[in-house]
Amino acid sequence: MSGDQPSHETDELDVDAMLNRFRERAAAVRDRPLPPVAGPQREQFVRQAQLDFQDYALVGDATWVFQEGFLTLTIDLNPSA
């Protein structure tokens, strides 16, 4: 979702493209195969992949607004109805 009218400050920063990259990273982490490791290393890899997916997905789903020199991302943490 785009923010306010483009301004000089956001001319070089494509926020929609940035958020799309976060969505792509979330999908890449979600679809990444497990490496051939076992035991604690495997558990650590899975935990880190879950956190990476969560972080990328949250930012990727954000809406944004640029006002008075501030870029504000809004992340809806309410469960879908």
PDB file of N, CA and C in Angstrom:
ATOM      1  N   MET A   1       0.860  -1.169   0.000  1.00  0.00           N
ATOM      2  CA  MET A   1       0.000   0.000   0.000  1.00  0.00           C
ATOM      3  C   MET A   1       0.896   1.218   0.000  1.00  0.00           C
ATOM      4  N   SER A   2       0.578   2.166  -0.824  1.00  0.00           N
ATOM      5  CA  SER A   2       1.422   3.356  -0.903  1.00  0.00           C
ATOM      6  C   SER A   2       0.992   4.374   0.136  1.00  0.00           C
ATOM      7  N   GLY A   3       1.904   5.279   0.425  1.00  0.00           N
ATOM      8  CA  GLY A   3       1.645   6.323   1.410  1.00  0.00           C
ATOM      9  C   GLY A   3       1.146   7.581   0.747  1.00  0.00           C
ATOM     10  N   ASP A   4       1.492   8.719   1.318  1.00  0.00           N
ATOM     11  CA  ASP A   4       1.080  10.014   0.799  1.00  0.00           C
ATOM     12  C   ASP A   4       1.691  10.263  -0.576  1.00  0.00           C
ATOM     13  N   GLN A   5       1.379  11.408  -1.149  1.00  0.00           N
ATOM     14  CA  GLN A   5       1.928  11.797  -2.440  1.00  0.00           C
ATOM     15  C   GLN A   5       3.447  11.724  -2.396  1.00  0.00           C
ATOM     16  N   PRO A   6       4.068  11.297  -3.498  1.00  0.00           N
ATOM     17  CA  PRO A   6       5.535  11.256  -3.515  1.00  0.00           C
ATOM     18  C   PRO A   6       6.124  12.629  -3.230  1.00  0.00           C
ATOM     19  N   SER A   7       7.219  12.637  -2.537  1.00  0.00           N
ATOM     20  CA  SER A   7       7.892  13.886  -2.239  1.00  0.00           C
ATOM     21  C   SER A   7       9.367  13.738  -2.578  1.00  0.00           C
ATOM     22  N   HIS A   8      10.089  14.826  -2.496  1.00  0.00           N
ATOM     23  CA  HIS A   8      11.517  14.803  -2.791  1.00  0.00           C
ATOM     24  C   HIS A   8      12.244  13.769  -1.935  1.00  0.00           C
ATOM     25  N   GLU A   9      11.890  13.655  -0.661  1.00  0.00           N
ATOM     26  CA  GLU A   9      12.579  12.756   0.246  1.00  0.00           C
ATOM     27  C   GLU A   9      12.392  11.297  -0.131  1.00  0.00           C
ATOM     28  N   THR A  10      11.243  10.940  -0.723  1.00  0.00           N
ATOM     29  CA  THR A  10      10.993   9.541  -1.060  1.00  0.00           C
ATOM     30  C   THR A  10      11.302   9.234  -2.510  1.00  0.00           C
ATOM     31  N   ASP A  11      11.806  10.221  -3.278  1.00  0.00           N
ATOM     32  CA  ASP A  11      12.127   9.984  -4.682  1.00  0.00           C
ATOM     33  C   ASP A  11      13.131   8.848  -4.842  1.00  0.00           C
ATOM     34  N   GLU A  12      14.104   8.757  -3.956  1.00  0.00           N
ATOM     35  CA  GLU A  12      15.141   7.749  -4.067  1.00  0.00           C
ATOM     36  C   GLU A  12      14.806   6.486  -3.278  1.00  0.00           C
ATOM     37  N   LEU A  13      13.806   6.526  -2.454  1.00  0.00           N
ATOM     38  CA  LEU A  13      13.409   5.373  -1.648  1.00  0.00           C
ATOM     39  C   LEU A  13      12.054   4.887  -2.139  1.00  0.00           C
ATOM     40  N   ASP A  14      12.040   3.729  -2.761  1.00  0.00           N
ATOM     41  CA  ASP A  14      10.793   3.128  -3.234  1.00  0.00           C
ATOM     42  C   ASP A  14      10.304   2.188  -2.135  1.00  0.00           C
ATOM     43  N   VAL A  15       9.440   2.702  -1.275  1.00  0.00           N
ATOM     44  CA  VAL A  15       8.993   1.949  -0.101  1.00  0.00           C
ATOM     45  C   VAL A  15       8.205   0.715  -0.517  1.00  0.00           C
ATOM     46  N   ASP A  16       7.366   0.840  -1.529  1.00  0.00           N
ATOM     47  CA  ASP A  16       6.606  -0.326  -1.981  1.00  0.00           C
ATOM     48  C   ASP A  16       7.543  -1.432  -2.461  1.00  0.00           C
ATOM     49  N   ALA A  17       8.593  -1.074  -3.180  1.00  0.00           N
ATOM     50  CA  ALA A  17       9.570  -2.069  -3.632  1.00  0.00           C
ATOM     51  C   ALA A  17      10.305  -2.680  -2.442  1.00  0.00           C
ATOM     52  N   MET A  18      10.637  -1.859  -1.451  1.00  0.00           N
ATOM     53  CA  MET A  18      11.310  -2.360  -0.257  1.00  0.00           C
ATOM     54  C   MET A  18      10.427  -3.381   0.457  1.00  0.00           C
ATOM     55  N   LEU A  19       9.142  -3.048   0.635  1.00  0.00           N
ATOM     56  CA  LEU A  19       8.228  -3.964   1.307  1.00  0.00           C
ATOM     57  C   LEU A  19       8.046  -5.241   0.490  1.00  0.00           C
ATOM     58  N   ASN A  20       8.045  -5.112  -0.830  1.00  0.00           N
ATOM     59  CA  ASN A  20       7.946  -6.297  -1.679  1.00  0.00           C
ATOM     60  C   ASN A  20       9.167  -7.198  -1.493  1.00  0.00           C
ATOM     61  N   ARG A  21      10.349  -6.590  -1.342  1.00  0.00           N
ATOM     62  CA  ARG A  21      11.545  -7.393  -1.092  1.00  0.00           C
ATOM     63  C   ARG A  21      11.430  -8.158   0.226  1.00  0.00           C
ATOM     64  N   PHE A  22      10.822  -7.553   1.229  1.00  0.00           N
ATOM     65  CA  PHE A  22      10.611  -8.260   2.488  1.00  0.00           C
ATOM     66  C   PHE A  22       9.644  -9.427   2.299  1.00  0.00           C
ATOM     67  N   ARG A  23       8.584  -9.225   1.502  1.00  0.00           N
ATOM     68  CA  ARG A  23       7.663 -10.329   1.220  1.00  0.00           C
ATOM     69  C   ARG A  23       8.382 -11.457   0.483  1.00  0.00           C
ATOM     70  N   GLU A  24       9.246 -11.095  -0.469  1.00  0.00           N
ATOM     71  CA  GLU A  24      10.014 -12.104  -1.201  1.00  0.00           C
ATOM     72  C   GLU A  24      10.968 -12.855  -0.274  1.00  0.00           C
ATOM     73  N   ARG A  25      11.584 -12.148   0.650  1.00  0.00           N
ATOM     74  CA  ARG A  25      12.484 -12.804   1.606  1.00  0.00           C
ATOM     75  C   ARG A  25      11.714 -13.755   2.513  1.00  0.00           C
ATOM     76  N   ALA A  26      10.528 -13.344   2.941  1.00  0.00           N
ATOM     77  CA  ALA A  26       9.707 -14.224   3.779  1.00  0.00           C
ATOM     78  C   ALA A  26       9.379 -15.502   3.016  1.00  0.00           C
ATOM     79  N   ALA A  27       8.992 -15.379   1.756  1.00  0.00           N
ATOM     80  CA  ALA A  27       8.670 -16.558   0.949  1.00  0.00           C
ATOM     81  C   ALA A  27       9.905 -17.436   0.762  1.00  0.00           C
ATOM     82  N   ALA A  28      11.061 -16.816   0.551  1.00  0.00           N
ATOM     83  CA  ALA A  28      12.291 -17.583   0.364  1.00  0.00           C
ATOM     84  C   ALA A  28      12.651 -18.358   1.625  1.00  0.00           C
ATOM     85  N   VAL A  29      12.486 -17.739   2.785  1.00  0.00           N
ATOM     86  CA  VAL A  29      12.782 -18.426   4.048  1.00  0.00           C
ATOM     87  C   VAL A  29      11.792 -19.562   4.251  1.00  0.00           C
ATOM     88  N   ARG A  30      10.520 -19.304   3.966  1.00  0.00           N
ATOM     89  CA  ARG A  30       9.484 -20.325   4.152  1.00  0.00           C
ATOM     90  C   ARG A  30       9.755 -21.541   3.261  1.00  0.00           C
ATOM     91  N   ASP A  31      10.209 -21.297   2.033  1.00  0.00           N
ATOM     92  CA  ASP A  31      10.400 -22.367   1.062  1.00  0.00           C
ATOM     93  C   ASP A  31      11.808 -22.960   1.068  1.00  0.00           C
ATOM     94  N   ARG A  32      12.673 -22.424   1.920  1.00  0.00           N
ATOM     95  CA  ARG A  32      14.073 -22.875   1.966  1.00  0.00           C
ATOM     96  C   ARG A  32      14.133 -24.307   2.514  1.00  0.00           C
ATOM     97  N   PRO A  33      14.833 -25.192   1.809  1.00  0.00           N
ATOM     98  CA  PRO A  33      14.954 -26.567   2.319  1.00  0.00           C
ATOM     99  C   PRO A  33      15.886 -26.617   3.532  1.00  0.00           C
ATOM    100  N   LEU A  34      15.671 -27.606   4.352  1.00  0.00           N
ATOM    101  CA  LEU A  34      16.533 -27.798   5.513  1.00  0.00           C
ATOM    102  C   LEU A  34      17.878 -28.345   5.060  1.00  0.00           C
ATOM    103  N   PRO A  35      18.952 -27.840   5.633  1.00  0.00           N
ATOM    104  CA  PRO A  35      20.265 -28.391   5.285  1.00  0.00           C
ATOM    105  C   PRO A  35      20.439 -29.772   5.925  1.00  0.00           C
ATOM    106  N   PRO A  36      21.393 -30.527   5.452  1.00  0.00           N
ATOM    107  CA  PRO A  36      21.598 -31.866   6.002  1.00  0.00           C
ATOM    108  C   PRO A  36      22.313 -31.819   7.356  1.00  0.00           C
ATOM    109  N   VAL A  37      21.624 -31.318   8.352  1.00  0.00           N
ATOM    110  CA  VAL A  37      22.167 -31.275   9.711  1.00  0.00           C
ATOM    111  C   VAL A  37      21.182 -31.972  10.634  1.00  0.00           C
ATOM    112  N   ALA A  38      21.664 -32.374  11.792  1.00  0.00           N
ATOM    113  CA  ALA A  38      20.808 -33.067  12.750  1.00  0.00           C
ATOM    114  C   ALA A  38      21.047 -32.507  14.139  1.00  0.00           C
ATOM    115  N   GLY A  39      20.198 -32.924  15.052  1.00  0.00           N
ATOM    116  CA  GLY A  39      20.365 -32.571  16.451  1.00  0.00           C
ATOM    117  C   GLY A  39      20.177 -31.099  16.729  1.00  0.00           C
ATOM    118  N   PRO A  40      20.987 -30.563  17.654  1.00  0.00           N
ATOM    119  CA  PRO A  40      20.833 -29.172  18.076  1.00  0.00           C
ATOM    120  C   PRO A  40      21.011 -28.169  16.928  1.00  0.00           C
ATOM    121  N   GLN A  41      21.892 -28.494  15.973  1.00  0.00           N
ATOM    122  CA  GLN A  41      22.101 -27.568  14.850  1.00  0.00           C
ATOM    123  C   GLN A  41      20.829 -27.458  14.009  1.00  0.00           C
ATOM    124  N   ARG A  42      20.145 -28.581  13.818  1.00  0.00           N
ATOM    125  CA  ARG A  42      18.897 -28.571  13.050  1.00  0.00           C
ATOM    126  C   ARG A  42      17.834 -27.750  13.782  1.00  0.00           C
ATOM    127  N   GLU A  43      17.710 -27.964  15.080  1.00  0.00           N
ATOM    128  CA  GLU A  43      16.733 -27.208  15.870  1.00  0.00           C
ATOM    129  C   GLU A  43      17.041 -25.717  15.820  1.00  0.00           C
ATOM    130  N   GLN A  44      18.311 -25.358  15.912  1.00  0.00           N
ATOM    131  CA  GLN A  44      18.712 -23.950  15.842  1.00  0.00           C
ATOM    132  C   GLN A  44      18.374 -23.369  14.467  1.00  0.00           C
ATOM    133  N   PHE A  45      18.633 -24.126  13.410  1.00  0.00           N
ATOM    134  CA  PHE A  45      18.314 -23.663  12.055  1.00  0.00           C
ATOM    135  C   PHE A  45      16.817 -23.438  11.906  1.00  0.00           C
ATOM    136  N   VAL A  46      16.012 -24.373  12.386  1.00  0.00           N
ATOM    137  CA  VAL A  46      14.546 -24.255  12.277  1.00  0.00           C
ATOM    138  C   VAL A  46      14.054 -23.050  13.069  1.00  0.00           C
ATOM    139  N   ARG A  47      14.559 -22.868  14.287  1.00  0.00           N
ATOM    140  CA  ARG A  47      14.145 -21.706  15.102  1.00  0.00           C
ATOM    141  C   ARG A  47      14.500 -20.403  14.404  1.00  0.00           C
ATOM    142  N   GLN A  48      15.719 -20.331  13.863  1.00  0.00           N
ATOM    143  CA  GLN A  48      16.139 -19.104  13.184  1.00  0.00           C
ATOM    144  C   GLN A  48      15.305 -18.865  11.929  1.00  0.00           C
ATOM    145  N   ALA A  49      14.986 -19.910  11.197  1.00  0.00           N
ATOM    146  CA  ALA A  49      14.147 -19.763   9.997  1.00  0.00           C
ATOM    147  C   ALA A  49      12.759 -19.257  10.370  1.00  0.00           C
ATOM    148  N   GLN A  50      12.205 -19.750  11.471  1.00  0.00           N
ATOM    149  CA  GLN A  50      10.896 -19.286  11.916  1.00  0.00           C
ATOM    150  C   GLN A  50      10.931 -17.803  12.280  1.00  0.00           C
ATOM    151  N   LEU A  51      11.985 -17.390  12.984  1.00  0.00           N
ATOM    152  CA  LEU A  51      12.115 -15.974  13.348  1.00  0.00           C
ATOM    153  C   LEU A  51      12.340 -15.099  12.113  1.00  0.00           C
ATOM    154  N   ASP A  52      13.174 -15.570  11.198  1.00  0.00           N
ATOM    155  CA  ASP A  52      13.413 -14.814   9.964  1.00  0.00           C
ATOM    156  C   ASP A  52      12.116 -14.638   9.195  1.00  0.00           C
ATOM    157  N   PHE A  53      11.350 -15.726   9.048  1.00  0.00           N
ATOM    158  CA  PHE A  53      10.079 -15.644   8.331  1.00  0.00           C
ATOM    159  C   PHE A  53       9.150 -14.648   9.012  1.00  0.00           C
ATOM    160  N   GLN A  54       9.029 -14.749  10.325  1.00  0.00           N
ATOM    161  CA  GLN A  54       8.152 -13.840  11.070  1.00  0.00           C
ATOM    162  C   GLN A  54       8.551 -12.393  10.849  1.00  0.00           C
ATOM    163  N   ASP A  55       9.829 -12.091  10.989  1.00  0.00           N
ATOM    164  CA  ASP A  55      10.313 -10.717  10.834  1.00  0.00           C
ATOM    165  C   ASP A  55      10.046 -10.189   9.429  1.00  0.00           C
ATOM    166  N   TYR A  56      10.433 -10.973   8.418  1.00  0.00           N
ATOM    167  CA  TYR A  56      10.239 -10.532   7.031  1.00  0.00           C
ATOM    168  C   TYR A  56       8.763 -10.401   6.687  1.00  0.00           C
ATOM    169  N   ALA A  57       7.943 -11.346   7.150  1.00  0.00           N
ATOM    170  CA  ALA A  57       6.516 -11.302   6.841  1.00  0.00           C
ATOM    171  C   ALA A  57       5.844 -10.098   7.502  1.00  0.00           C
ATOM    172  N   LEU A  58       6.200  -9.806   8.744  1.00  0.00           N
ATOM    173  CA  LEU A  58       5.611  -8.655   9.427  1.00  0.00           C
ATOM    174  C   LEU A  58       5.919  -7.357   8.690  1.00  0.00           C
ATOM    175  N   VAL A  59       7.173  -7.147   8.355  1.00  0.00           N
ATOM    176  CA  VAL A  59       7.552  -5.920   7.653  1.00  0.00           C
ATOM    177  C   VAL A  59       6.931  -5.904   6.252  1.00  0.00           C
ATOM    178  N   GLY A  60       6.922  -7.053   5.589  1.00  0.00           N
ATOM    179  CA  GLY A  60       6.353  -7.126   4.247  1.00  0.00           C
ATOM    180  C   GLY A  60       4.879  -6.791   4.199  1.00  0.00           C
ATOM    181  N   ASP A  61       4.155  -7.032   5.276  1.00  0.00           N
ATOM    182  CA  ASP A  61       2.717  -6.740   5.331  1.00  0.00           C
ATOM    183  C   ASP A  61       2.408  -5.329   5.823  1.00  0.00           C
ATOM    184  N   ALA A  62       3.425  -4.558   6.113  1.00  0.00           N
ATOM    185  CA  ALA A  62       3.212  -3.216   6.667  1.00  0.00           C
ATOM    186  C   ALA A  62       2.605  -2.272   5.629  1.00  0.00           C
ATOM    187  N   THR A  63       1.887  -1.298   6.132  1.00  0.00           N
ATOM    188  CA  THR A  63       1.476  -0.157   5.323  1.00  0.00           C
ATOM    189  C   THR A  63       2.388   0.988   5.737  1.00  0.00           C
ATOM    190  N   TRP A  64       2.448   2.017   4.918  1.00  0.00           N
ATOM    191  CA  TRP A  64       3.397   3.079   5.230  1.00  0.00           C
ATOM    192  C   TRP A  64       2.833   4.449   4.894  1.00  0.00           C
ATOM    193  N   VAL A  65       3.435   5.435   5.533  1.00  0.00           N
ATOM    194  CA  VAL A  65       3.138   6.831   5.262  1.00  0.00           C
ATOM    195  C   VAL A  65       4.431   7.612   5.491  1.00  0.00           C
ATOM    196  N   PHE A  66       4.644   8.616   4.666  1.00  0.00           N
ATOM    197  CA  PHE A  66       5.809   9.487   4.813  1.00  0.00           C
ATOM    198  C   PHE A  66       5.278  10.888   5.069  1.00  0.00           C
ATOM    199  N   GLN A  67       5.519  11.401   6.271  1.00  0.00           N
ATOM    200  CA  GLN A  67       5.037  12.724   6.642  1.00  0.00           C
ATOM    201  C   GLN A  67       6.119  13.452   7.425  1.00  0.00           C
ATOM    202  N   GLU A  68       6.325  14.696   7.064  1.00  0.00           N
ATOM    203  CA  GLU A  68       7.235  15.576   7.791  1.00  0.00           C
ATOM    204  C   GLU A  68       8.615  14.952   8.003  1.00  0.00           C
ATOM    205  N   GLY A  69       9.106  14.256   6.990  1.00  0.00           N
ATOM    206  CA  GLY A  69      10.438  13.685   7.061  1.00  0.00           C
ATOM    207  C   GLY A  69      10.533  12.339   7.760  1.00  0.00           C
ATOM    208  N   PHE A  70       9.396  11.768   8.159  1.00  0.00           N
ATOM    209  CA  PHE A  70       9.406  10.489   8.859  1.00  0.00           C
ATOM    210  C   PHE A  70       8.679   9.437   8.034  1.00  0.00           C
ATOM    211  N   LEU A  71       9.322   8.301   7.849  1.00  0.00           N
ATOM    212  CA  LEU A  71       8.683   7.145   7.237  1.00  0.00           C
ATOM    213  C   LEU A  71       8.141   6.299   8.375  1.00  0.00           C
ATOM    214  N   THR A  72       6.841   6.076   8.377  1.00  0.00           N
ATOM    215  CA  THR A  72       6.210   5.291   9.428  1.00  0.00           C
ATOM    216  C   THR A  72       5.612   4.033   8.819  1.00  0.00           C
ATOM    217  N   LEU A  73       6.063   2.893   9.319  1.00  0.00           N
ATOM    218  CA  LEU A  73       5.482   1.608   8.914  1.00  0.00           C
ATOM    219  C   LEU A  73       4.464   1.214   9.971  1.00  0.00           C
ATOM    220  N   THR A  74       3.305   0.777   9.536  1.00  0.00           N
ATOM    221  CA  THR A  74       2.265   0.307  10.450  1.00  0.00           C
ATOM    222  C   THR A  74       2.050  -1.170  10.200  1.00  0.00           C
ATOM    223  N   ILE A  75       2.176  -1.955  11.261  1.00  0.00           N
ATOM    224  CA  ILE A  75       2.023  -3.392  11.161  1.00  0.00           C
ATOM    225  C   ILE A  75       0.796  -3.796  11.987  1.00  0.00           C
ATOM    226  N   ASP A  76      -0.190  -4.380  11.305  1.00  0.00           N
ATOM    227  CA  ASP A  76      -1.425  -4.813  11.964  1.00  0.00           C
ATOM    228  C   ASP A  76      -1.166  -6.150  12.651  1.00  0.00           C
ATOM    229  N   LEU A  77      -1.228  -6.169  13.977  1.00  0.00           N
ATOM    230  CA  LEU A  77      -1.014  -7.395  14.742  1.00  0.00           C
ATOM    231  C   LEU A  77      -2.307  -8.059  15.161  1.00  0.00           C
ATOM    232  N   ASN A  78      -3.433  -7.531  14.674  1.00  0.00           N
ATOM    233  CA  ASN A  78      -4.724  -8.155  14.962  1.00  0.00           C
ATOM    234  C   ASN A  78      -4.894  -9.376  14.079  1.00  0.00           C
ATOM    235  N   PRO A  79      -5.373 -10.487  14.657  1.00  0.00           N
ATOM    236  CA  PRO A  79      -5.590 -11.675  13.824  1.00  0.00           C
ATOM    237  C   PRO A  79      -6.676 -11.392  12.784  1.00  0.00           C
ATOM    238  N   SER A  80      -6.544 -12.019  11.635  1.00  0.00           N
ATOM    239  CA  SER A  80      -7.534 -11.840  10.570  1.00  0.00           C
ATOM    240  C   SER A  80      -8.887 -12.354  11.047  1.00  0.00           C
ATOM    241  N   ALA A  81      -9.916 -11.634  10.639  1.00  0.00           N
ATOM    242  CA  ALA A  81     -11.274 -12.041  11.049  1.00  0.00           C
ATOM    243  C   ALA A  81     -11.816 -13.082  10.123  1.00  0.00           C
TER     244      ALA A  81
END
